[in-house]
Amino acid sequence: MGKTKELSKDLRDKMVTCTRLEWTTRTSASQEACACKVALLKKAHVQAHLKFASEHLNDSEKTWENVMWSDETKIELFGINSTRHVWRQRNSRYDPKNTIPTVKHGGGNILPWGCFSAK
């Protein structure tokens, strides 16, 4: 019976510590945030990038004038396409500052593409 009481007291102490740590974290300058999204690059991709860079390191400006650069991006027409985390107090789940408005079927998006060259 003594071991059970000791274990119970030990667990209670740890729970208080976790609660205190959570409270301290929330009241400090730090805030909860989502991780940034980055492209998944395998070792082969990284090696190919480094190989390309080393092969073209000493290319002249004249060579780069013949290169066409392009890119595309997806833009959401309504809202954001990511998860947003908020810290809220109890019973404030539907407070406007803790919600994200949505529309049915996502609201749509556009995918602009563009290119440029040195010429």
PDB file of N, CA and C in Angstrom:
ATOM      1  N   MET A   1       0.819  -1.191   0.000  1.00  0.00           N
ATOM      2  CA  MET A   1       0.000   0.000   0.000  1.00  0.00           C
ATOM      3  C   MET A   1       0.864   1.257   0.000  1.00  0.00           C
ATOM      4  N   GLY A   2       2.003   1.233   0.648  1.00  0.00           N
ATOM      5  CA  GLY A   2       2.887   2.383   0.723  1.00  0.00           C
ATOM      6  C   GLY A   2       3.439   2.778  -0.644  1.00  0.00           C
ATOM      7  N   LYS A   3       3.766   1.769  -1.476  1.00  0.00           N
ATOM      8  CA  LYS A   3       4.294   2.047  -2.806  1.00  0.00           C
ATOM      9  C   LYS A   3       3.242   2.729  -3.677  1.00  0.00           C
ATOM     10  N   THR A   4       1.994   2.338  -3.540  1.00  0.00           N
ATOM     11  CA  THR A   4       0.928   2.954  -4.328  1.00  0.00           C
ATOM     12  C   THR A   4       0.789   4.427  -3.982  1.00  0.00           C
ATOM     13  N   LYS A   5       0.835   4.749  -2.689  1.00  0.00           N
ATOM     14  CA  LYS A   5       0.719   6.141  -2.271  1.00  0.00           C
ATOM     15  C   LYS A   5       1.909   6.956  -2.775  1.00  0.00           C
ATOM     16  N   GLU A   6       3.122   6.361  -2.715  1.00  0.00           N
ATOM     17  CA  GLU A   6       4.311   7.058  -3.207  1.00  0.00           C
ATOM     18  C   GLU A   6       4.199   7.314  -4.712  1.00  0.00           C
ATOM     19  N   LEU A   7       3.750   6.305  -5.452  1.00  0.00           N
ATOM     20  CA  LEU A   7       3.591   6.444  -6.892  1.00  0.00           C
ATOM     21  C   LEU A   7       2.540   7.508  -7.214  1.00  0.00           C
ATOM     22  N   SER A   8       1.434   7.478  -6.479  1.00  0.00           N
ATOM     23  CA  SER A   8       0.372   8.458  -6.685  1.00  0.00           C
ATOM     24  C   SER A   8       0.887   9.871  -6.418  1.00  0.00           C
ATOM     25  N   LYS A   9       1.645  10.055  -5.338  1.00  0.00           N
ATOM     26  CA  LYS A   9       2.201  11.371  -5.010  1.00  0.00           C
ATOM     27  C   LYS A   9       3.202  11.802  -6.079  1.00  0.00           C
ATOM     28  N   ASP A  10       4.025  10.857  -6.546  1.00  0.00           N
ATOM     29  CA  ASP A  10       5.008  11.162  -7.584  1.00  0.00           C
ATOM     30  C   ASP A  10       4.315  11.614  -8.871  1.00  0.00           C
ATOM     31  N   LEU A  11       3.260  10.900  -9.281  1.00  0.00           N
ATOM     32  CA  LEU A  11       2.519  11.275 -10.483  1.00  0.00           C
ATOM     33  C   LEU A  11       1.838  12.625 -10.310  1.00  0.00           C
ATOM     34  N   ARG A  12       1.267  12.886  -9.134  1.00  0.00           N
ATOM     35  CA  ARG A  12       0.610  14.157  -8.866  1.00  0.00           C
ATOM     36  C   ARG A  12       1.613  15.307  -8.977  1.00  0.00           C
ATOM     37  N   ASP A  13       2.819  15.109  -8.439  1.00  0.00           N
ATOM     38  CA  ASP A  13       3.852  16.137  -8.520  1.00  0.00           C
ATOM     39  C   ASP A  13       4.234  16.423  -9.973  1.00  0.00           C
ATOM     40  N   LYS A  14       4.334  15.373 -10.780  1.00  0.00           N
ATOM     41  CA  LYS A  14       4.692  15.540 -12.193  1.00  0.00           C
ATOM     42  C   LYS A  14       3.589  16.267 -12.942  1.00  0.00           C
ATOM     43  N   MET A  15       2.323  15.975 -12.629  1.00  0.00           N
ATOM     44  CA  MET A  15       1.212  16.640 -13.294  1.00  0.00           C
ATOM     45  C   MET A  15       1.214  18.132 -12.961  1.00  0.00           C
ATOM     46  N   VAL A  16       1.481  18.470 -11.722  1.00  0.00           N
ATOM     47  CA  VAL A  16       1.548  19.881 -11.334  1.00  0.00           C
ATOM     48  C   VAL A  16       2.683  20.563 -12.080  1.00  0.00           C
ATOM     49  N   THR A  17       3.810  19.878 -12.179  1.00  0.00           N
ATOM     50  CA  THR A  17       4.958  20.435 -12.880  1.00  0.00           C
ATOM     51  C   THR A  17       4.620  20.689 -14.347  1.00  0.00           C
ATOM     52  N   CYS A  18       3.954  19.741 -15.006  1.00  0.00           N
ATOM     53  CA  CYS A  18       3.579  19.925 -16.409  1.00  0.00           C
ATOM     54  C   CYS A  18       2.620  21.098 -16.558  1.00  0.00           C
ATOM     55  N   THR A  19       1.661  21.196 -15.672  1.00  0.00           N
ATOM     56  CA  THR A  19       0.707  22.299 -15.739  1.00  0.00           C
ATOM     57  C   THR A  19       1.419  23.625 -15.536  1.00  0.00           C
ATOM     58  N   ARG A  20       2.314  23.690 -14.593  1.00  0.00           N
ATOM     59  CA  ARG A  20       3.058  24.918 -14.340  1.00  0.00           C
ATOM     60  C   ARG A  20       3.924  25.275 -15.544  1.00  0.00           C
ATOM     61  N   LEU A  21       4.561  24.269 -16.144  1.00  0.00           N
ATOM     62  CA  LEU A  21       5.395  24.508 -17.319  1.00  0.00           C
ATOM     63  C   LEU A  21       4.543  25.054 -18.461  1.00  0.00           C
ATOM     64  N   GLU A  22       3.377  24.469 -18.683  1.00  0.00           N
ATOM     65  CA  GLU A  22       2.482  24.933 -19.738  1.00  0.00           C
ATOM     66  C   GLU A  22       2.056  26.376 -19.468  1.00  0.00           C
ATOM     67  N   TRP A  23       1.699  26.696 -18.245  1.00  0.00           N
ATOM     68  CA  TRP A  23       1.289  28.048 -17.880  1.00  0.00           C
ATOM     69  C   TRP A  23       2.428  29.028 -18.093  1.00  0.00           C
ATOM     70  N   THR A  24       3.636  28.639 -17.681  1.00  0.00           N
ATOM     71  CA  THR A  24       4.807  29.505 -17.839  1.00  0.00           C
ATOM     72  C   THR A  24       5.087  29.756 -19.315  1.00  0.00           C
ATOM     73  N   THR A  25       4.983  28.722 -20.130  1.00  0.00           N
ATOM     74  CA  THR A  25       5.235  28.858 -21.563  1.00  0.00           C
ATOM     75  C   THR A  25       4.227  29.800 -22.200  1.00  0.00           C
ATOM     76  N   ARG A  26       2.966  29.670 -21.846  1.00  0.00           N
ATOM     77  CA  ARG A  26       1.936  30.501 -22.455  1.00  0.00           C
ATOM     78  C   ARG A  26       2.018  31.951 -22.010  1.00  0.00           C
ATOM     79  N   THR A  27       2.516  32.196 -20.807  1.00  0.00           N
ATOM     80  CA  THR A  27       2.591  33.571 -20.338  1.00  0.00           C
ATOM     81  C   THR A  27       3.895  34.241 -20.731  1.00  0.00           C
ATOM     82  N   SER A  28       4.851  33.484 -21.239  1.00  0.00           N
ATOM     83  CA  SER A  28       6.116  34.085 -21.671  1.00  0.00           C
ATOM     84  C   SER A  28       5.953  34.683 -23.064  1.00  0.00           C
ATOM     85  N   ALA A  29       7.016  35.190 -23.633  1.00  0.00           N
ATOM     86  CA  ALA A  29       6.965  35.843 -24.943  1.00  0.00           C
ATOM     87  C   ALA A  29       6.777  34.854 -26.082  1.00  0.00           C
ATOM     88  N   SER A  30       7.003  33.567 -25.852  1.00  0.00           N
ATOM     89  CA  SER A  30       6.876  32.586 -26.923  1.00  0.00           C
ATOM     90  C   SER A  30       5.410  32.331 -27.227  1.00  0.00           C
ATOM     91  N   GLN A  31       5.154  31.806 -28.422  1.00  0.00           N
ATOM     92  CA  GLN A  31       3.797  31.499 -28.810  1.00  0.00           C
ATOM     93  C   GLN A  31       3.789  30.237 -29.644  1.00  0.00           C
ATOM     94  N   GLU A  32       2.652  29.578 -29.703  1.00  0.00           N
ATOM     95  CA  GLU A  32       2.524  28.375 -30.496  1.00  0.00           C
ATOM     96  C   GLU A  32       2.515  28.757 -31.963  1.00  0.00           C
ATOM     97  N   ALA A  33       3.156  27.958 -32.800  1.00  0.00           N
ATOM     98  CA  ALA A  33       3.215  28.253 -34.223  1.00  0.00           C
ATOM     99  C   ALA A  33       3.261  26.960 -35.012  1.00  0.00           C
ATOM    100  N   CYS A  34       2.932  27.051 -36.280  1.00  0.00           N
ATOM    101  CA  CYS A  34       3.011  25.902 -37.177  1.00  0.00           C
ATOM    102  C   CYS A  34       4.410  25.826 -37.775  1.00  0.00           C
ATOM    103  N   ALA A  35       4.837  24.636 -38.090  1.00  0.00           N
ATOM    104  CA  ALA A  35       6.134  24.471 -38.738  1.00  0.00           C
ATOM    105  C   ALA A  35       6.062  24.970 -40.174  1.00  0.00           C
ATOM    106  N   CYS A  36       7.137  25.537 -40.668  1.00  0.00           N
ATOM    107  CA  CYS A  36       7.197  26.016 -42.048  1.00  0.00           C
ATOM    108  C   CYS A  36       7.254  24.825 -42.999  1.00  0.00           C
ATOM    109  N   LYS A  37       6.628  24.973 -44.146  1.00  0.00           N
ATOM    110  CA  LYS A  37       6.664  23.923 -45.150  1.00  0.00           C
ATOM    111  C   LYS A  37       7.832  24.185 -46.097  1.00  0.00           C
ATOM    112  N   VAL A  38       8.599  23.161 -46.366  1.00  0.00           N
ATOM    113  CA  VAL A  38       9.715  23.255 -47.301  1.00  0.00           C
ATOM    114  C   VAL A  38       9.658  22.078 -48.260  1.00  0.00           C
ATOM    115  N   ALA A  39      10.272  22.226 -49.400  1.00  0.00           N
ATOM    116  CA  ALA A  39      10.280  21.159 -50.390  1.00  0.00           C
ATOM    117  C   ALA A  39      11.036  19.941 -49.859  1.00  0.00           C
ATOM    118  N   LEU A  40      10.495  18.775 -50.146  1.00  0.00           N
ATOM    119  CA  LEU A  40      11.150  17.531 -49.747  1.00  0.00           C
ATOM    120  C   LEU A  40      12.262  17.232 -50.746  1.00  0.00           C
ATOM    121  N   LEU A  41      13.491  17.327 -50.306  1.00  0.00           N
ATOM    122  CA  LEU A  41      14.630  17.042 -51.167  1.00  0.00           C
ATOM    123  C   LEU A  41      15.328  15.777 -50.670  1.00  0.00           C
ATOM    124  N   LYS A  42      15.406  14.805 -51.545  1.00  0.00           N
ATOM    125  CA  LYS A  42      16.138  13.584 -51.214  1.00  0.00           C
ATOM    126  C   LYS A  42      17.620  13.832 -51.460  1.00  0.00           C
ATOM    127  N   LYS A  43      18.459  12.920 -51.007  1.00  0.00           N
ATOM    128  CA  LYS A  43      19.900  13.076 -51.199  1.00  0.00           C
ATOM    129  C   LYS A  43      20.258  13.224 -52.668  1.00  0.00           C
ATOM    130  N   ALA A  44      19.549  12.506 -53.528  1.00  0.00           N
ATOM    131  CA  ALA A  44      19.822  12.589 -54.964  1.00  0.00           C
ATOM    132  C   ALA A  44      19.538  13.993 -55.495  1.00  0.00           C
ATOM    133  N   HIS A  45      18.458  14.632 -54.991  1.00  0.00           N
ATOM    134  CA  HIS A  45      18.132  15.994 -55.416  1.00  0.00           C
ATOM    135  C   HIS A  45      19.238  16.969 -54.987  1.00  0.00           C
ATOM    136  N   VAL A  46      19.660  16.850 -53.745  1.00  0.00           N
ATOM    137  CA  VAL A  46      20.695  17.744 -53.223  1.00  0.00           C
ATOM    138  C   VAL A  46      21.986  17.572 -54.020  1.00  0.00           C
ATOM    139  N   GLN A  47      22.352  16.332 -54.301  1.00  0.00           N
ATOM    140  CA  GLN A  47      23.573  16.073 -55.072  1.00  0.00           C
ATOM    141  C   GLN A  47      23.461  16.636 -56.485  1.00  0.00           C
ATOM    142  N   ALA A  48      22.287  16.513 -57.109  1.00  0.00           N
ATOM    143  CA  ALA A  48      22.091  17.044 -58.456  1.00  0.00           C
ATOM    144  C   ALA A  48      22.205  18.568 -58.448  1.00  0.00           C
ATOM    145  N   HIS A  49      21.642  19.218 -57.417  1.00  0.00           N
ATOM    146  CA  HIS A  49      21.744  20.680 -57.312  1.00  0.00           C
ATOM    147  C   HIS A  49      23.199  21.110 -57.159  1.00  0.00           C
ATOM    148  N   LEU A  50      23.925  20.424 -56.292  1.00  0.00           N
ATOM    149  CA  LEU A  50      25.334  20.767 -56.074  1.00  0.00           C
ATOM    150  C   LEU A  50      26.171  20.529 -57.329  1.00  0.00           C
ATOM    151  N   LYS A  51      25.874  19.447 -58.046  1.00  0.00           N
ATOM    152  CA  LYS A  51      26.593  19.141 -59.282  1.00  0.00           C
ATOM    153  C   LYS A  51      26.343  20.243 -60.315  1.00  0.00           C
ATOM    154  N   PHE A  52      25.093  20.651 -60.489  1.00  0.00           N
ATOM    155  CA  PHE A  52      24.750  21.715 -61.429  1.00  0.00           C
ATOM    156  C   PHE A  52      25.466  23.013 -61.062  1.00  0.00           C
ATOM    157  N   ALA A  53      25.425  23.355 -59.762  1.00  0.00           N
ATOM    158  CA  ALA A  53      26.059  24.595 -59.307  1.00  0.00           C
ATOM    159  C   ALA A  53      27.559  24.574 -59.553  1.00  0.00           C
ATOM    160  N   SER A  54      28.206  23.448 -59.262  1.00  0.00           N
ATOM    161  CA  SER A  54      29.664  23.385 -59.451  1.00  0.00           C
ATOM    162  C   SER A  54      30.039  23.400 -60.936  1.00  0.00           C
ATOM    163  N   GLU A  55      29.210  22.782 -61.807  1.00  0.00           N
ATOM    164  CA  GLU A  55      29.487  22.774 -63.245  1.00  0.00           C
ATOM    165  C   GLU A  55      29.339  24.164 -63.861  1.00  0.00           C
ATOM    166  N   HIS A  56      28.433  24.978 -63.336  1.00  0.00           N
ATOM    167  CA  HIS A  56      28.140  26.284 -63.931  1.00  0.00           C
ATOM    168  C   HIS A  56      28.662  27.452 -63.104  1.00  0.00           C
ATOM    169  N   LEU A  57      29.544  27.161 -62.171  1.00  0.00           N
ATOM    170  CA  LEU A  57      30.056  28.194 -61.279  1.00  0.00           C
ATOM    171  C   LEU A  57      30.804  29.291 -62.031  1.00  0.00           C
ATOM    172  N   ASN A  58      31.564  28.927 -63.033  1.00  0.00           N
ATOM    173  CA  ASN A  58      32.400  29.906 -63.746  1.00  0.00           C
ATOM    174  C   ASN A  58      31.841  30.295 -65.116  1.00  0.00           C
ATOM    175  N   ASP A  59      30.539  30.052 -65.349  1.00  0.00           N
ATOM    176  CA  ASP A  59      29.934  30.438 -66.621  1.00  0.00           C
ATOM    177  C   ASP A  59      29.926  31.961 -66.753  1.00  0.00           C
ATOM    178  N   SER A  60      30.073  32.430 -67.976  1.00  0.00           N
ATOM    179  CA  SER A  60      30.088  33.871 -68.221  1.00  0.00           C
ATOM    180  C   SER A  60      28.667  34.437 -68.198  1.00  0.00           C
ATOM    181  N   GLU A  61      28.576  35.763 -68.132  1.00  0.00           N
ATOM    182  CA  GLU A  61      27.259  36.420 -68.159  1.00  0.00           C
ATOM    183  C   GLU A  61      26.574  36.170 -69.503  1.00  0.00           C
ATOM    184  N   LYS A  62      27.346  36.082 -70.532  1.00  0.00           N
ATOM    185  CA  LYS A  62      26.799  35.825 -71.876  1.00  0.00           C
ATOM    186  C   LYS A  62      26.048  34.489 -71.907  1.00  0.00           C
ATOM    187  N   THR A  63      26.595  33.489 -71.231  1.00  0.00           N
ATOM    188  CA  THR A  63      25.939  32.175 -71.166  1.00  0.00           C
ATOM    189  C   THR A  63      24.595  32.288 -70.461  1.00  0.00           C
ATOM    190  N   TRP A  64      24.542  33.042 -69.360  1.00  0.00           N
ATOM    191  CA  TRP A  64      23.307  33.153 -68.569  1.00  0.00           C
ATOM    192  C   TRP A  64      22.255  33.992 -69.284  1.00  0.00           C
ATOM    193  N   GLU A  65      22.666  34.793 -70.279  1.00  0.00           N
ATOM    194  CA  GLU A  65      21.683  35.569 -71.040  1.00  0.00           C
ATOM    195  C   GLU A  65      20.801  34.678 -71.902  1.00  0.00           C
ATOM    196  N   ASN A  66      21.226  33.475 -72.170  1.00  0.00           N
ATOM    197  CA  ASN A  66      20.454  32.536 -72.992  1.00  0.00           C
ATOM    198  C   ASN A  66      19.568  31.607 -72.154  1.00  0.00           C
ATOM    199  N   VAL A  67      19.480  31.863 -70.869  1.00  0.00           N
ATOM    200  CA  VAL A  67      18.683  31.007 -69.985  1.00  0.00           C
ATOM    201  C   VAL A  67      17.326  31.658 -69.729  1.00  0.00           C
ATOM    202  N   MET A  68      16.268  30.872 -69.797  1.00  0.00           N
ATOM    203  CA  MET A  68      14.919  31.331 -69.495  1.00  0.00           C
ATOM    204  C   MET A  68      14.535  30.782 -68.117  1.00  0.00           C
ATOM    205  N   TRP A  69      14.248  31.667 -67.181  1.00  0.00           N
ATOM    206  CA  TRP A  69      13.880  31.273 -65.823  1.00  0.00           C
ATOM    207  C   TRP A  69      12.364  31.292 -65.694  1.00  0.00           C
ATOM    208  N   SER A  70      11.797  30.308 -64.996  1.00  0.00           N
ATOM    209  CA  SER A  70      10.338  30.275 -64.839  1.00  0.00           C
ATOM    210  C   SER A  70       9.974  29.803 -63.435  1.00  0.00           C
ATOM    211  N   ASP A  71       8.758  30.133 -63.055  1.00  0.00           N
ATOM    212  CA  ASP A  71       8.252  29.706 -61.747  1.00  0.00           C
ATOM    213  C   ASP A  71       6.734  29.775 -61.771  1.00  0.00           C
ATOM    214  N   GLU A  72       6.123  29.088 -60.833  1.00  0.00           N
ATOM    215  CA  GLU A  72       4.671  29.128 -60.682  1.00  0.00           C
ATOM    216  C   GLU A  72       4.345  29.127 -59.195  1.00  0.00           C
ATOM    217  N   THR A  73       3.143  29.591 -58.871  1.00  0.00           N
ATOM    218  CA  THR A  73       2.715  29.579 -57.482  1.00  0.00           C
ATOM    219  C   THR A  73       1.210  29.395 -57.410  1.00  0.00           C
ATOM    220  N   LYS A  74       0.744  28.755 -56.366  1.00  0.00           N
ATOM    221  CA  LYS A  74      -0.682  28.540 -56.161  1.00  0.00           C
ATOM    222  C   LYS A  74      -1.186  29.585 -55.171  1.00  0.00           C
ATOM    223  N   ILE A  75      -2.238  30.307 -55.546  1.00  0.00           N
ATOM    224  CA  ILE A  75      -2.804  31.340 -54.686  1.00  0.00           C
ATOM    225  C   ILE A  75      -4.241  30.975 -54.365  1.00  0.00           C
ATOM    226  N   GLU A  76      -4.558  30.886 -53.088  1.00  0.00           N
ATOM    227  CA  GLU A  76      -5.921  30.607 -52.656  1.00  0.00           C
ATOM    228  C   GLU A  76      -6.758  31.873 -52.815  1.00  0.00           C
ATOM    229  N   LEU A  77      -7.948  31.754 -53.405  1.00  0.00           N
ATOM    230  CA  LEU A  77      -8.799  32.920 -53.598  1.00  0.00           C
ATOM    231  C   LEU A  77      -9.534  33.307 -52.316  1.00  0.00           C
ATOM    232  N   PHE A  78      -9.752  32.363 -51.429  1.00  0.00           N
ATOM    233  CA  PHE A  78     -10.416  32.675 -50.167  1.00  0.00           C
ATOM    234  C   PHE A  78      -9.708  31.921 -49.059  1.00  0.00           C
ATOM    235  N   GLY A  79      -9.200  32.636 -48.086  1.00  0.00           N
ATOM    236  CA  GLY A  79      -8.595  31.999 -46.926  1.00  0.00           C
ATOM    237  C   GLY A  79      -7.181  31.522 -47.178  1.00  0.00           C
ATOM    238  N   ILE A  80      -6.754  30.630 -46.304  1.00  0.00           N
ATOM    239  CA  ILE A  80      -5.402  30.101 -46.375  1.00  0.00           C
ATOM    240  C   ILE A  80      -5.464  28.592 -46.492  1.00  0.00           C
ATOM    241  N   ASN A  81      -4.453  28.022 -47.081  1.00  0.00           N
ATOM    242  CA  ASN A  81      -4.414  26.580 -47.282  1.00  0.00           C
ATOM    243  C   ASN A  81      -3.434  25.948 -46.295  1.00  0.00           C
ATOM    244  N   SER A  82      -3.613  26.259 -45.037  1.00  0.00           N
ATOM    245  CA  SER A  82      -2.747  25.669 -44.020  1.00  0.00           C
ATOM    246  C   SER A  82      -3.490  25.641 -42.692  1.00  0.00           C
ATOM    247  N   THR A  83      -2.925  24.968 -41.744  1.00  0.00           N
ATOM    248  CA  THR A  83      -3.504  24.879 -40.417  1.00  0.00           C
ATOM    249  C   THR A  83      -3.046  26.060 -39.589  1.00  0.00           C
ATOM    250  N   ARG A  84      -3.968  26.669 -38.875  1.00  0.00           N
ATOM    251  CA  ARG A  84      -3.616  27.776 -37.997  1.00  0.00           C
ATOM    252  C   ARG A  84      -3.887  27.353 -36.561  1.00  0.00           C
ATOM    253  N   HIS A  85      -2.899  27.504 -35.709  1.00  0.00           N
ATOM    254  CA  HIS A  85      -3.049  27.160 -34.301  1.00  0.00           C
ATOM    255  C   HIS A  85      -3.256  28.438 -33.504  1.00  0.00           C
ATOM    256  N   VAL A  86      -4.131  28.367 -32.524  1.00  0.00           N
ATOM    257  CA  VAL A  86      -4.362  29.511 -31.646  1.00  0.00           C
ATOM    258  C   VAL A  86      -4.337  29.038 -30.199  1.00  0.00           C
ATOM    259  N   TRP A  87      -3.995  29.939 -29.311  1.00  0.00           N
ATOM    260  CA  TRP A  87      -4.133  29.688 -27.888  1.00  0.00           C
ATOM    261  C   TRP A  87      -5.357  30.445 -27.436  1.00  0.00           C
ATOM    262  N   ARG A  88      -6.264  29.750 -26.834  1.00  0.00           N
ATOM    263  CA  ARG A  88      -7.485  30.397 -26.399  1.00  0.00           C
ATOM    264  C   ARG A  88      -7.815  29.984 -24.982  1.00  0.00           C
ATOM    265  N   GLN A  89      -8.615  30.788 -24.352  1.00  0.00           N
ATOM    266  CA  GLN A  89      -9.047  30.474 -23.006  1.00  0.00           C
ATOM    267  C   GLN A  89     -10.267  29.583 -23.079  1.00  0.00           C
ATOM    268  N   ARG A  90     -10.631  29.017 -21.960  1.00  0.00           N
ATOM    269  CA  ARG A  90     -11.777  28.139 -21.898  1.00  0.00           C
ATOM    270  C   ARG A  90     -13.047  28.848 -22.366  1.00  0.00           C
ATOM    271  N   ASN A  91     -13.895  28.110 -23.057  1.00  0.00           N
ATOM    272  CA  ASN A  91     -15.191  28.598 -23.541  1.00  0.00           C
ATOM    273  C   ASN A  91     -15.072  29.775 -24.505  1.00  0.00           C
ATOM    274  N   SER A  92     -13.969  29.873 -25.234  1.00  0.00           N
ATOM    275  CA  SER A  92     -13.831  30.936 -26.235  1.00  0.00           C
ATOM    276  C   SER A  92     -13.552  30.335 -27.616  1.00  0.00           C
ATOM    277  N   ARG A  93     -14.015  29.099 -27.825  1.00  0.00           N
ATOM    278  CA  ARG A  93     -13.756  28.395 -29.072  1.00  0.00           C
ATOM    279  C   ARG A  93     -14.286  29.147 -30.292  1.00  0.00           C
ATOM    280  N   TYR A  94     -15.477  29.723 -30.185  1.00  0.00           N
ATOM    281  CA  TYR A  94     -16.097  30.393 -31.321  1.00  0.00           C
ATOM    282  C   TYR A  94     -15.968  31.913 -31.274  1.00  0.00           C
ATOM    283  N   ASP A  95     -15.089  32.415 -30.467  1.00  0.00           N
ATOM    284  CA  ASP A  95     -14.776  33.839 -30.460  1.00  0.00           C
ATOM    285  C   ASP A  95     -14.150  34.164 -31.822  1.00  0.00           C
ATOM    286  N   PRO A  96     -14.577  35.237 -32.507  1.00  0.00           N
ATOM    287  CA  PRO A  96     -14.066  35.534 -33.865  1.00  0.00           C
ATOM    288  C   PRO A  96     -12.542  35.574 -33.978  1.00  0.00           C
ATOM    289  N   LYS A  97     -11.841  35.970 -32.937  1.00  0.00           N
ATOM    290  CA  LYS A  97     -10.382  36.010 -33.032  1.00  0.00           C
ATOM    291  C   LYS A  97      -9.761  34.614 -32.996  1.00  0.00           C
ATOM    292  N   ASN A  98     -10.548  33.595 -32.643  1.00  0.00           N
ATOM    293  CA  ASN A  98     -10.041  32.222 -32.577  1.00  0.00           C
ATOM    294  C   ASN A  98     -10.573  31.349 -33.704  1.00  0.00           C
ATOM    295  N   THR A  99     -11.220  31.937 -34.701  1.00  0.00           N
ATOM    296  CA  THR A  99     -11.802  31.156 -35.789  1.00  0.00           C
ATOM    297  C   THR A  99     -11.249  31.616 -37.134  1.00  0.00           C
ATOM    298  N   ILE A 100     -11.446  30.770 -38.135  1.00  0.00           N
ATOM    299  CA  ILE A 100     -11.058  31.083 -39.505  1.00  0.00           C
ATOM    300  C   ILE A 100     -12.308  30.914 -40.360  1.00  0.00           C
ATOM    301  N   PRO A 101     -12.772  31.971 -41.042  1.00  0.00           N
ATOM    302  CA  PRO A 101     -13.960  31.817 -41.880  1.00  0.00           C
ATOM    303  C   PRO A 101     -13.662  30.908 -43.068  1.00  0.00           C
ATOM    304  N   THR A 102     -14.658  30.151 -43.486  1.00  0.00           N
ATOM    305  CA  THR A 102     -14.487  29.225 -44.608  1.00  0.00           C
ATOM    306  C   THR A 102     -15.666  29.352 -45.569  1.00  0.00           C
ATOM    307  N   VAL A 103     -15.497  28.823 -46.767  1.00  0.00           N
ATOM    308  CA  VAL A 103     -16.583  28.720 -47.732  1.00  0.00           C
ATOM    309  C   VAL A 103     -16.631  27.274 -48.198  1.00  0.00           C
ATOM    310  N   LYS A 104     -17.790  26.874 -48.708  1.00  0.00           N
ATOM    311  CA  LYS A 104     -17.916  25.501 -49.192  1.00  0.00           C
ATOM    312  C   LYS A 104     -17.047  25.277 -50.424  1.00  0.00           C
ATOM    313  N   HIS A 105     -16.519  24.122 -50.548  1.00  0.00           N
ATOM    314  CA  HIS A 105     -15.710  23.682 -51.684  1.00  0.00           C
ATOM    315  C   HIS A 105     -14.417  24.484 -51.844  1.00  0.00           C
ATOM    316  N   GLY A 106     -13.922  25.076 -50.767  1.00  0.00           N
ATOM    317  CA  GLY A 106     -12.602  25.698 -50.764  1.00  0.00           C
ATOM    318  C   GLY A 106     -12.484  27.094 -51.325  1.00  0.00           C
ATOM    319  N   GLY A 107     -13.432  27.566 -52.105  1.00  0.00           N
ATOM    320  CA  GLY A 107     -13.361  28.929 -52.613  1.00  0.00           C
ATOM    321  C   GLY A 107     -12.533  29.091 -53.875  1.00  0.00           C
ATOM    322  N   GLY A 108     -11.809  28.087 -54.310  1.00  0.00           N
ATOM    323  CA  GLY A 108     -11.049  28.144 -55.552  1.00  0.00           C
ATOM    324  C   GLY A 108      -9.630  28.657 -55.380  1.00  0.00           C
ATOM    325  N   ASN A 109      -8.864  28.514 -56.445  1.00  0.00           N
ATOM    326  CA  ASN A 109      -7.485  28.997 -56.450  1.00  0.00           C
ATOM    327  C   ASN A 109      -7.056  29.261 -57.878  1.00  0.00           C
ATOM    328  N   ILE A 110      -5.974  29.982 -58.020  1.00  0.00           N
ATOM    329  CA  ILE A 110      -5.386  30.212 -59.337  1.00  0.00           C
ATOM    330  C   ILE A 110      -3.923  29.778 -59.287  1.00  0.00           C
ATOM    331  N   LEU A 111      -3.388  29.445 -60.435  1.00  0.00           N
ATOM    332  CA  LEU A 111      -2.011  28.984 -60.529  1.00  0.00           C
ATOM    333  C   LEU A 111      -1.278  29.828 -61.574  1.00  0.00           C
ATOM    334  N   PRO A 112      -0.799  31.014 -61.187  1.00  0.00           N
ATOM    335  CA  PRO A 112      -0.072  31.839 -62.169  1.00  0.00           C
ATOM    336  C   PRO A 112       1.319  31.273 -62.464  1.00  0.00           C
ATOM    337  N   TRP A 113       1.754  31.461 -63.686  1.00  0.00           N
ATOM    338  CA  TRP A 113       3.075  31.015 -64.133  1.00  0.00           C
ATOM    339  C   TRP A 113       3.724  32.182 -64.841  1.00  0.00           C
ATOM    340  N   GLY A 114       5.008  32.335 -64.652  1.00  0.00           N
ATOM    341  CA  GLY A 114       5.724  33.414 -65.301  1.00  0.00           C
ATOM    342  C   GLY A 114       7.145  33.019 -65.636  1.00  0.00           C
ATOM    343  N   CYS A 115       7.765  33.777 -66.528  1.00  0.00           N
ATOM    344  CA  CYS A 115       9.151  33.506 -66.893  1.00  0.00           C
ATOM    345  C   CYS A 115       9.847  34.822 -67.199  1.00  0.00           C
ATOM    346  N   PHE A 116      11.170  34.797 -67.152  1.00  0.00           N
ATOM    347  CA  PHE A 116      11.972  35.977 -67.487  1.00  0.00           C
ATOM    348  C   PHE A 116      13.361  35.527 -67.920  1.00  0.00           C
ATOM    349  N   SER A 117      14.050  36.436 -68.582  1.00  0.00           N
ATOM    350  CA  SER A 117      15.425  36.165 -68.990  1.00  0.00           C
ATOM    351  C   SER A 117      16.233  37.438 -68.815  1.00  0.00           C
ATOM    352  N   ALA A 118      17.530  37.322 -69.012  1.00  0.00           N
ATOM    353  CA  ALA A 118      18.411  38.481 -68.832  1.00  0.00           C
ATOM    354  C   ALA A 118      18.334  39.426 -70.024  1.00  0.00           C
ATOM    355  N   LYS A 119      17.791  39.001 -71.134  1.00  0.00           N
ATOM    356  CA  LYS A 119      17.709  39.853 -72.329  1.00  0.00           C
ATOM    357  C   LYS A 119      16.523  40.770 -72.262  1.00  0.00           C
TER     358      LYS A 119
END
